[in-house]
């Protein structure tokens, strides 16, 4: 039972932690006010074509117009039909598009007209005839076997192409046929909905986070899936019975008094992921600096001096750092260009050993990772595909006191922490009333947008909750007083 999946559900957000050997390896957070967009299909409207950039902006009903590049337009990407963007798009043109990258920072979502629909074992490409295989399956004989196997299962007059996912290696023919049938039905529903949809509207929404986890993450190494919401557990059970049969016996409804993320030390790991500094067990440490352009990681020996020599100390620190960096990239969901400044090593064999350790660490990463090795300056250059906001960008906002040089938790994040703390106090202590002391911004949010959630929580714990502004408190500071 090496892998466990923890799903914590509240009315405001869903949080998922993937654990290996009791250690957090991956975190995903989805809030009801900002659900993930990747995979969603919209009937968009072209608002601006930029011939010089061979791209266009498309309105799909979001706060910012989304971005569509010529390489992501089906009519322009087929070699025998290569066209410029102004030949196929014009302002005001309706267009069926799919989100392939979340809005990040000041950038809008990225779109494609090449629709793909993910299933458990296959990805359906309704506008193409190509049968492809996931790049994660590297053995050429296995790739050819899976391709031939799928072709035999498909009817001779089938429409559309498929990409075979890694999960298919252990799937039965019946499971593959069921996946094909499911994907065909989804595409039929999308076609029907798109005909009647108004411009700038959602046509198809991808599964919720817990269901996506069942579809994309659960595998034979998964020991159990703990869900602390009865409603979500029941929905997950129904979904698993129809689409992910092997997950049914792994699903468990967590009902203990202690909060799920507290029990498995995930809350502590989330707080650590907000820090620039990460301590290594040996006494060394890492410094993470995230900017819009790239992320840098600096490795330091700190107080570690137990090697036989300075060279040995440096080598051992770098090896441990390589393992830790691979995990932190997943936990923090850092993407784009990543530059790692390992401590200088004189021997090429040591550099190669550290690179090998880093590659082993990222081997299980679901995001596509590329490692370019050591540069002439002794830095490791790597990339990690970025499709959604990093953990820090979800949980934090630029601090007004430092003009954006640092970050602080949003008032919404603090409100949700207060809700969890109130639940924790209600289970541990007997009080007539709970009083929340917090900053003006947090109290205002509790009285306005989160007032219904606060009232529901008060009814749930059966105790009144009062609020008090403390002008000296920072936005992240709060106290709960038992009355």
Protein backbone atom coordinates (compact mmCIF):
# COMPACT_ATOMS: atom_id res chain seq x y z
CA UNK A 1 0.00 0.00 0.00
CA UNK A 2 2.63 2.49 -1.13
CA UNK A 3 0.26 5.16 -2.50
CA UNK A 4 -2.74 6.76 -0.79
CA UNK A 5 -5.04 9.50 -2.07
CA UNK A 6 -6.71 11.86 0.42
CA UNK A 7 -9.69 13.94 -0.68
CA UNK A 8 -10.82 16.73 1.66
CA UNK A 9 -14.14 18.34 0.69
CA UNK A 10 -15.79 21.48 2.09
CA UNK A 11 -18.61 23.56 0.56
CA UNK A 12 -16.01 26.09 -0.61
CA UNK A 13 -13.17 23.97 -1.99
CA UNK A 14 -11.87 20.47 -2.67
CA UNK A 15 -8.28 19.52 -1.83
CA UNK A 16 -6.48 16.36 -2.92
CA UNK A 17 -3.18 15.01 -1.60
CA UNK A 18 -1.34 12.10 -3.21
CA UNK A 19 0.81 10.30 -0.62
CA UNK A 20 3.64 7.81 -1.04
CA UNK A 21 5.02 6.03 2.00
CA UNK A 22 3.20 8.57 4.19
CA UNK A 23 4.82 11.60 2.48
CA UNK A 24 2.92 14.16 0.40
CA UNK A 25 3.93 13.96 -3.26
CA UNK A 26 1.29 16.06 -4.97
CA UNK A 27 -1.38 18.60 -4.01
CA UNK A 28 -4.34 19.82 -6.02
CA UNK A 29 -6.85 22.46 -4.92
CA UNK A 30 -10.07 23.40 -6.69
CA UNK A 31 -12.34 26.16 -5.39
CA UNK A 32 -16.00 26.53 -6.27
CA UNK A 33 -15.40 30.19 -7.14
CA UNK A 34 -12.65 29.30 -9.65
CA UNK A 35 -13.12 25.78 -11.01
CA UNK A 36 -10.43 24.40 -13.30
CA UNK A 37 -10.95 25.18 -16.98
CA UNK A 38 -8.59 22.73 -18.75
CA UNK A 39 -10.66 20.33 -20.86
CA UNK A 40 -13.72 22.62 -20.99
CA UNK A 41 -15.21 23.25 -24.43
CA UNK A 42 -16.77 26.61 -25.35
CA UNK A 43 -18.58 28.19 -28.25
CA UNK A 44 -16.27 31.18 -28.56
CA UNK A 45 -16.25 34.31 -30.67
CA UNK A 46 -13.11 35.71 -32.30
CA UNK A 47 -12.60 39.26 -31.04
CA UNK A 48 -9.21 40.06 -32.58
CA UNK A 49 -6.87 38.50 -35.14
CA UNK A 50 -3.14 39.31 -34.95
CA UNK A 51 -1.48 38.37 -38.27
CA UNK A 52 1.95 39.52 -37.05
CA UNK A 53 1.83 37.02 -34.17
CA UNK A 54 -0.19 34.43 -36.12
CA UNK A 55 -2.61 34.26 -33.20
CA UNK A 56 -6.05 35.46 -32.16
CA UNK A 57 -7.96 36.43 -29.05
CA UNK A 58 -11.25 34.62 -28.49
CA UNK A 59 -14.01 35.61 -26.06
CA UNK A 60 -15.38 32.58 -24.22
CA UNK A 61 -17.19 34.35 -21.38
CA UNK A 62 -14.27 34.65 -18.96
CA UNK A 63 -12.80 37.77 -17.36
CA UNK A 64 -10.02 37.91 -19.96
CA UNK A 65 -10.08 36.94 -23.64
CA UNK A 66 -8.41 33.60 -24.32
CA UNK A 67 -5.41 33.09 -26.62
CA UNK A 68 -5.41 30.91 -29.75
CA UNK A 69 -2.18 30.31 -31.70
CA UNK A 70 -2.07 29.22 -35.33
CA UNK A 71 -0.39 25.93 -34.35
CA UNK A 72 -3.49 25.03 -32.31
CA UNK A 73 -5.95 25.55 -35.18
CA UNK A 74 -6.83 22.28 -36.90
CA UNK A 75 -7.08 23.76 -40.40
CA UNK A 76 -3.63 25.36 -40.08
CA UNK A 77 -1.75 22.49 -38.45
CA UNK A 78 -2.27 19.77 -41.07
CA UNK A 79 0.82 19.85 -43.35
CA UNK A 80 -1.06 19.48 -46.64
CA UNK A 81 -3.48 22.26 -45.66
CA UNK A 82 -1.12 24.77 -44.04
CA UNK A 83 -2.71 28.22 -43.93
CA UNK A 84 -2.12 31.55 -42.25
CA UNK A 85 -4.41 32.51 -39.39
CA UNK A 86 -6.05 35.36 -41.33
CA UNK A 87 -7.14 32.85 -43.98
CA UNK A 88 -9.27 30.87 -41.53
CA UNK A 89 -10.31 33.38 -38.84
CA UNK A 90 -11.96 36.78 -38.83
CA UNK A 91 -13.40 39.04 -36.13
CA UNK A 92 -16.88 38.04 -34.95
CA UNK A 93 -16.48 34.45 -36.19
CA UNK A 94 -18.05 31.75 -33.93
CA UNK A 95 -15.67 28.95 -33.04
CA UNK A 96 -15.75 25.73 -30.99
CA UNK A 97 -12.62 25.75 -28.82
CA UNK A 98 -11.17 23.80 -25.90
CA UNK A 99 -9.03 25.11 -23.03
CA UNK A 100 -5.57 23.51 -22.91
CA UNK A 101 -3.96 25.83 -20.35
CA UNK A 102 -5.48 27.67 -17.38
CA UNK A 103 -5.30 31.48 -17.12
CA UNK A 104 -2.04 32.14 -15.27
CA UNK A 105 -1.16 35.50 -13.77
CA UNK A 106 -2.05 38.21 -16.29
CA UNK A 107 -2.32 35.74 -19.18
CA UNK A 108 -5.67 34.46 -20.42
CA UNK A 109 -6.47 30.81 -21.02
CA UNK A 110 -4.86 29.10 -24.01
CA UNK A 111 -7.16 27.44 -26.52
CA UNK A 112 -7.17 24.87 -29.31
CA UNK A 113 -9.69 23.94 -31.99
CA UNK A 114 -8.32 20.38 -31.98
CA UNK A 115 -10.82 18.82 -29.57
CA UNK A 116 -9.76 15.91 -27.36
CA UNK A 117 -11.88 14.10 -24.77
CA UNK A 118 -10.14 12.12 -22.04
CA UNK A 119 -11.41 8.76 -20.87
CA UNK A 120 -9.96 6.29 -18.43
CA UNK A 121 -7.84 4.40 -20.97
CA UNK A 122 -8.10 6.47 -24.13
CA UNK A 123 -8.20 10.05 -25.35
CA UNK A 124 -10.68 10.56 -28.20
CA UNK A 125 -9.76 12.87 -31.12
CA UNK A 126 -13.08 13.30 -32.97
CA UNK A 127 -11.65 15.47 -35.79
CA UNK A 128 -8.68 13.23 -36.62
CA UNK A 129 -8.04 9.64 -37.71
CA UNK A 130 -4.67 9.18 -36.00
CA UNK A 131 -4.09 6.29 -33.56
CA UNK A 132 -1.31 7.38 -31.18
CA UNK A 133 0.30 6.04 -28.02
CA UNK A 134 1.29 7.95 -24.88
CA UNK A 135 4.94 9.02 -24.86
CA UNK A 136 5.24 7.51 -21.37
CA UNK A 137 5.10 4.06 -22.98
CA UNK A 138 8.65 3.93 -24.33
CA UNK A 139 8.98 0.29 -25.43
CA UNK A 140 8.43 0.29 -29.20
CA UNK A 141 7.13 -3.30 -29.30
CA UNK A 142 4.59 -2.52 -26.57
CA UNK A 143 3.49 0.64 -28.40
CA UNK A 144 2.90 -1.29 -31.62
CA UNK A 145 1.05 -4.07 -29.76
CA UNK A 146 -1.32 -1.59 -28.09
CA UNK A 147 -1.93 0.23 -31.38
CA UNK A 148 -2.79 -3.02 -33.22
CA UNK A 149 -4.98 -4.17 -30.35
CA UNK A 150 -7.06 -0.99 -30.43
CA UNK A 151 -7.41 -1.06 -34.23
CA UNK A 152 -8.86 -4.60 -33.98
CA UNK A 153 -11.41 -3.45 -31.39
CA UNK A 154 -12.60 -0.45 -33.41
CA UNK A 155 -15.33 -0.93 -36.04
CA UNK A 156 -14.15 -0.61 -39.65
CA UNK A 157 -16.25 2.51 -40.17
CA UNK A 158 -15.22 4.25 -36.97
CA UNK A 159 -14.84 8.02 -36.97
CA UNK A 160 -12.13 9.93 -35.14
CA UNK A 161 -8.73 9.01 -33.74
CA UNK A 162 -7.45 7.95 -30.33
CA UNK A 163 -4.43 8.30 -28.09
CA UNK A 164 -3.74 5.22 -25.98
CA UNK A 165 -3.04 6.16 -22.34
CA UNK A 166 -0.64 4.30 -20.04
CA UNK A 167 -3.60 2.84 -18.11
CA UNK A 168 -4.44 0.80 -21.25
CA UNK A 169 -1.52 -1.57 -20.65
CA UNK A 170 -3.52 -3.42 -17.98
CA UNK A 171 -7.02 -2.85 -19.42
CA UNK A 172 -9.21 -5.69 -20.72
CA UNK A 173 -10.89 -5.58 -24.11
CA UNK A 174 -14.26 -5.05 -22.38
CA UNK A 175 -12.88 -2.03 -20.49
CA UNK A 176 -11.48 -0.51 -23.68
CA UNK A 177 -14.78 -1.01 -25.53
CA UNK A 178 -16.68 0.57 -22.62
CA UNK A 179 -14.30 3.55 -22.74
CA UNK A 180 -14.84 3.92 -26.49
CA UNK A 181 -18.62 3.84 -26.02
CA UNK A 182 -18.42 6.45 -23.21
CA UNK A 183 -16.26 8.81 -25.29
CA UNK A 184 -18.56 8.50 -28.32
CA UNK A 185 -21.58 9.42 -26.17
CA UNK A 186 -19.79 12.42 -24.69
CA UNK A 187 -18.87 13.68 -28.17
CA UNK A 188 -22.46 13.24 -29.39
CA UNK A 189 -23.69 15.31 -26.43
CA UNK A 190 -21.09 18.01 -27.14
CA UNK A 191 -22.15 18.22 -30.80
CA UNK A 192 -25.81 18.53 -29.84
CA UNK A 193 -25.09 21.20 -27.21
CA UNK A 194 -22.82 23.24 -29.51
CA UNK A 195 -25.52 23.60 -32.20
CA UNK A 196 -27.87 25.39 -29.81
CA UNK A 197 -25.29 27.29 -27.75
CA UNK A 198 -25.02 31.06 -27.85
CA UNK A 199 -21.58 32.64 -28.47
CA UNK A 200 -19.26 32.93 -25.45
CA UNK A 201 -20.90 30.05 -23.55
CA UNK A 202 -19.73 26.77 -22.02
CA UNK A 203 -20.64 23.70 -24.07
CA UNK A 204 -18.89 20.94 -22.08
CA UNK A 205 -17.33 20.95 -18.62
CA UNK A 206 -14.75 18.41 -17.56
CA UNK A 207 -15.30 16.21 -14.51
CA UNK A 208 -14.96 17.60 -10.98
CA UNK A 209 -11.57 17.22 -9.27
CA UNK A 210 -12.42 14.02 -7.28
CA UNK A 211 -13.71 12.29 -10.44
CA UNK A 212 -10.69 13.42 -12.47
CA UNK A 213 -8.47 11.93 -9.77
CA UNK A 214 -10.29 8.60 -10.10
CA UNK A 215 -10.00 8.73 -13.88
CA UNK A 216 -6.41 9.96 -14.24
CA UNK A 217 -4.45 9.24 -11.05
CA UNK A 218 -5.70 5.97 -9.50
CA UNK A 219 -3.61 3.00 -10.63
CA UNK A 220 -2.50 -0.44 -9.46
CA UNK A 221 -0.09 1.15 -6.93
CA UNK A 222 -2.92 3.01 -5.21
CA UNK A 223 -3.69 1.34 -1.90
CA UNK A 224 -6.72 3.34 -0.78
CA UNK A 225 -8.64 6.54 -1.44
CA UNK A 226 -9.95 8.35 1.66
CA UNK A 227 -12.79 10.88 1.24
CA UNK A 228 -14.08 12.87 4.21
CA UNK A 229 -17.41 13.86 2.60
CA UNK A 230 -20.24 11.31 2.51
CA UNK A 231 -21.84 12.97 -0.53
CA UNK A 232 -18.59 13.06 -2.52
CA UNK A 233 -17.78 9.50 -1.43
CA UNK A 234 -21.14 8.29 -2.78
CA UNK A 235 -20.65 10.16 -6.07
CA UNK A 236 -17.13 8.73 -6.37
CA UNK A 237 -18.47 5.23 -5.67
CA UNK A 238 -21.14 5.57 -8.37
CA UNK A 239 -18.60 6.93 -10.86
CA UNK A 240 -16.08 4.18 -10.05
CA UNK A 241 -18.68 1.42 -10.46
CA UNK A 242 -19.36 2.61 -14.01
CA UNK A 243 -15.92 3.69 -15.20
CA UNK A 244 -13.11 2.71 -12.80
CA UNK A 245 -14.03 -0.70 -11.46
CA UNK A 246 -10.71 -1.38 -9.72
CA UNK A 247 -11.13 1.79 -7.62
CA UNK A 248 -14.37 0.65 -5.94
CA UNK A 249 -12.68 -1.51 -3.30
CA UNK A 250 -10.10 1.21 -2.62
CA UNK A 251 -12.63 3.92 -1.78
CA UNK A 252 -13.19 4.61 1.93
CA UNK A 253 -15.34 7.18 3.69
CA UNK A 254 -13.16 8.85 6.36
CA UNK A 255 -15.29 9.49 9.47
CA UNK A 256 -12.77 10.03 12.30
CA UNK A 257 -13.09 13.11 14.51
CA UNK A 258 -9.66 14.41 13.63
CA UNK A 259 -9.62 16.27 10.25
CA UNK A 260 -8.28 14.14 7.40
CA UNK A 261 -5.44 16.48 6.42
CA UNK A 262 -4.44 16.86 10.08
CA UNK A 263 -4.30 13.09 10.56
CA UNK A 264 -1.84 12.70 7.68
CA UNK A 265 0.14 15.90 8.36
CA UNK A 266 -0.91 17.46 5.05
CA UNK A 267 -1.80 20.85 6.55
CA UNK A 268 1.77 21.15 7.79
CA UNK A 269 3.08 20.24 4.33
CA UNK A 270 0.89 22.92 2.71
CA UNK A 271 2.28 25.54 5.08
CA UNK A 272 5.84 24.38 4.31
CA UNK A 273 5.14 24.68 0.58
CA UNK A 274 4.44 28.39 1.11
CA UNK A 275 7.97 28.96 2.39
CA UNK A 276 11.00 29.89 0.29
CA UNK A 277 13.24 27.72 2.43
CA UNK A 278 13.06 23.91 2.52
CA UNK A 279 15.17 22.10 5.11
CA UNK A 280 16.96 18.88 4.13
CA UNK A 281 17.28 16.05 6.65
CA UNK A 282 21.07 16.24 6.46
CA UNK A 283 21.13 19.86 7.62
CA UNK A 284 21.37 21.42 4.17
CA UNK A 285 18.56 23.49 2.69
CA UNK A 286 16.98 24.72 -0.55
CA UNK A 287 15.78 28.20 -1.49
CA UNK A 288 12.90 28.44 -4.00
CA UNK A 289 12.27 31.74 -5.79
CA UNK A 290 9.29 31.81 -8.13
CA UNK A 291 8.91 34.60 -10.71
CA UNK A 292 6.67 35.00 -13.74
CA UNK A 293 9.52 34.08 -16.10
CA UNK A 294 11.09 31.13 -14.27
CA UNK A 295 11.73 29.42 -10.94
CA UNK A 296 15.18 29.19 -9.39
CA UNK A 297 16.32 26.65 -6.79
CA UNK A 298 19.50 27.24 -4.80
CA UNK A 299 21.12 24.33 -2.94
CA UNK A 300 23.17 24.97 0.23
CA UNK A 301 25.05 22.64 2.58
CA UNK A 302 23.94 24.55 5.68
CA UNK A 303 25.09 22.71 8.79
CA UNK A 304 25.84 19.38 7.04
CA UNK A 305 29.52 18.46 7.53
CA UNK A 306 29.38 14.69 8.05
CA UNK A 307 31.07 13.70 4.81
CA UNK A 308 34.57 12.24 4.72
CA UNK A 309 35.72 15.35 2.86
CA UNK A 310 34.28 18.62 1.55
CA UNK A 311 33.76 17.00 -1.86
CA UNK A 312 31.87 14.09 -0.24
CA UNK A 313 29.72 16.50 1.82
CA UNK A 314 28.79 18.47 -1.31
CA UNK A 315 28.00 15.32 -3.29
CA UNK A 316 25.71 13.87 -0.59
CA UNK A 317 23.92 17.21 -0.16
CA UNK A 318 23.31 17.46 -3.91
CA UNK A 319 21.96 13.89 -4.08
CA UNK A 320 19.49 14.57 -1.26
CA UNK A 321 18.58 17.91 -2.84
CA UNK A 322 17.80 16.23 -6.19
CA UNK A 323 15.26 13.93 -4.50
CA UNK A 324 13.70 16.81 -2.55
CA UNK A 325 13.49 19.14 -5.57
CA UNK A 326 11.65 16.52 -7.64
CA UNK A 327 9.03 16.19 -4.88
CA UNK A 328 8.73 19.93 -4.24
CA UNK A 329 8.09 20.63 -7.93
CA UNK A 330 5.05 18.35 -7.73
CA UNK A 331 3.83 19.56 -4.34
CA UNK A 332 4.13 23.25 -5.31
CA UNK A 333 3.08 22.54 -8.93
CA UNK A 334 5.91 24.66 -10.29
CA UNK A 335 6.06 24.84 -14.07
CA UNK A 336 7.80 26.55 -16.95
CA UNK A 337 11.57 27.07 -16.89
CA UNK A 338 13.33 25.85 -13.74
CA UNK A 339 17.00 26.60 -13.00
CA UNK A 340 18.73 24.59 -10.27
CA UNK A 341 21.99 25.81 -8.77
CA UNK A 342 23.51 22.70 -7.22
CA UNK A 343 26.66 23.15 -5.16
CA UNK A 344 29.67 23.04 -7.51
CA UNK A 345 31.12 19.56 -8.08
CA UNK A 346 34.53 18.98 -9.66
CA UNK A 347 34.00 15.40 -10.89
CA UNK A 348 31.87 14.72 -13.98
CA UNK A 349 30.84 11.35 -12.50
CA UNK A 350 29.29 13.13 -9.50
CA UNK A 351 27.39 15.53 -11.77
CA UNK A 352 26.01 12.58 -13.74
CA UNK A 353 24.99 10.78 -10.54
CA UNK A 354 23.08 13.87 -9.34
CA UNK A 355 21.37 14.20 -12.74
CA UNK A 356 20.38 10.51 -12.63
CA UNK A 357 18.93 11.00 -9.15
CA UNK A 358 16.91 14.00 -10.37
CA UNK A 359 15.60 12.01 -13.35
CA UNK A 360 14.54 9.14 -11.06
CA UNK A 361 12.75 11.66 -8.85
CA UNK A 362 10.71 13.17 -11.70
CA UNK A 363 9.95 9.82 -13.35
CA UNK A 364 6.56 9.59 -11.58
CA UNK A 365 5.62 13.19 -12.31
CA UNK A 366 2.39 13.36 -14.33
CA UNK A 367 3.49 16.65 -15.91
CA UNK A 368 5.89 16.47 -18.84
CA UNK A 369 9.44 17.20 -17.63
CA UNK A 370 12.56 17.87 -19.67
CA UNK A 371 16.05 17.96 -18.13
CA UNK A 372 18.85 19.50 -20.20
CA UNK A 373 21.74 18.67 -17.90
CA UNK A 374 24.42 21.00 -16.53
CA UNK A 375 25.09 24.21 -18.45
CA UNK A 376 28.48 25.84 -18.94
CA UNK A 377 27.83 27.85 -15.76
CA UNK A 378 27.21 24.67 -13.75
CA UNK A 379 23.41 25.17 -13.58
CA UNK A 380 20.84 22.48 -14.33
CA UNK A 381 18.24 23.71 -16.79
CA UNK A 382 14.90 21.92 -16.91
CA UNK A 383 11.29 22.51 -17.92
CA UNK A 384 8.03 21.26 -16.44
CA UNK A 385 4.77 21.64 -18.33
CA UNK A 386 2.54 24.26 -16.73
CA UNK A 387 -1.22 23.80 -17.28
CA UNK A 388 -2.60 25.35 -14.06
CA UNK A 389 -1.64 27.84 -11.37
CA UNK A 390 1.04 26.92 -8.85
CA UNK A 391 0.04 26.23 -5.25
CA UNK A 392 1.40 29.61 -4.14
CA UNK A 393 -0.64 31.47 -6.77
CA UNK A 394 -3.83 29.70 -5.66
CA UNK A 395 -3.36 30.22 -1.92
CA UNK A 396 -1.54 33.54 -1.84
CA UNK A 397 -1.63 37.05 -3.28
CA UNK A 398 1.06 39.75 -3.60
CA UNK A 399 1.65 41.52 -0.29
CA UNK A 400 0.71 45.25 -0.43
CA UNK A 401 3.32 46.03 2.20
CA UNK A 402 6.24 44.81 0.07
CA UNK A 403 4.94 45.95 -3.34
CA UNK A 404 4.60 42.43 -4.66
CA UNK A 405 8.07 41.19 -3.74
CA UNK A 406 6.59 38.58 -1.38
CA UNK A 407 3.24 36.88 -0.95
CA UNK A 408 0.52 36.49 1.66
CA UNK A 409 -2.52 34.30 2.03
CA UNK A 410 -5.70 35.74 0.55
CA UNK A 411 -8.57 36.77 2.83
CA UNK A 412 -10.56 33.89 1.31
CA UNK A 413 -7.82 31.41 2.23
CA UNK A 414 -7.77 32.76 5.81
CA UNK A 415 -11.59 32.48 5.99
CA UNK A 416 -11.42 28.82 5.02
CA UNK A 417 -8.65 28.23 7.58
CA UNK A 418 -10.92 29.84 10.20
CA UNK A 419 -13.77 27.52 9.20
CA UNK A 420 -11.53 24.48 9.61
CA UNK A 421 -10.20 25.80 12.94
CA UNK A 422 -13.76 26.36 14.20
CA UNK A 423 -14.65 22.78 13.31
CA UNK A 424 -11.51 21.54 15.07
CA UNK A 425 -12.30 23.59 18.22
CA UNK A 426 -15.93 22.46 18.23
CA UNK A 427 -14.84 18.82 18.31
CA UNK A 428 -12.18 19.34 20.98
CA UNK A 429 -13.77 21.85 23.37
CA UNK A 430 -17.15 22.50 24.94
CA UNK A 431 -18.00 26.20 24.64
CA UNK A 432 -21.20 28.24 24.62
CA UNK A 433 -19.93 30.48 21.81
CA UNK A 434 -16.92 30.98 19.55
CA UNK A 435 -15.57 34.46 18.82
CA UNK A 436 -13.35 35.07 15.79
CA UNK A 437 -10.77 37.87 16.04
CA UNK A 438 -9.31 38.85 12.66
CA UNK A 439 -8.34 41.74 10.39
CA UNK A 440 -10.93 44.08 8.89
CA UNK A 441 -10.68 42.50 5.41
CA UNK A 442 -11.22 38.96 6.71
CA UNK A 443 -14.16 40.01 8.93
CA UNK A 444 -15.73 41.89 6.00
CA UNK A 445 -15.49 38.77 3.84
CA UNK A 446 -17.06 36.64 6.62
CA UNK A 447 -19.93 39.14 6.87
CA UNK A 448 -20.44 39.42 3.11
CA UNK A 449 -19.51 36.67 0.59
CA UNK A 450 -18.90 33.97 3.21
CA UNK A 451 -21.81 34.90 5.51
CA UNK A 452 -23.95 31.97 4.32
CA UNK A 453 -21.04 29.54 4.81
CA UNK A 454 -20.50 30.96 8.32
CA UNK A 455 -24.19 30.57 9.15
CA UNK A 456 -24.20 26.99 7.85
CA UNK A 457 -21.13 26.19 9.95
CA UNK A 458 -22.76 27.69 13.06
CA UNK A 459 -25.83 25.51 12.51
CA UNK A 460 -23.63 22.45 11.92
CA UNK A 461 -21.66 22.79 15.18
CA UNK A 462 -24.72 24.00 17.08
CA UNK A 463 -22.95 27.02 18.60
CA UNK A 464 -23.15 30.77 17.82
CA UNK A 465 -20.13 32.38 16.15
CA UNK A 466 -19.41 36.08 16.69
CA UNK A 467 -16.90 38.28 14.86
CA UNK A 468 -14.58 41.02 16.10
CA UNK A 469 -12.23 43.24 14.08
CA UNK A 470 -8.67 43.59 15.41
CA UNK A 471 -7.09 46.52 13.57
CA UNK A 472 -3.57 45.51 14.60
CA UNK A 473 -3.88 42.03 13.04
CA UNK A 474 -2.30 41.35 9.66
CA UNK A 475 -4.47 39.67 7.03
CA UNK A 476 -3.07 36.23 7.88
CA UNK A 477 -3.51 36.61 11.65
CA UNK A 478 -6.59 35.50 13.56
CA UNK A 479 -7.62 34.02 16.91
CA UNK A 480 -10.61 31.99 18.03
CA UNK A 481 -11.79 32.68 21.57
CA UNK A 482 -13.96 30.20 23.52
CA UNK A 483 -16.77 32.05 25.32
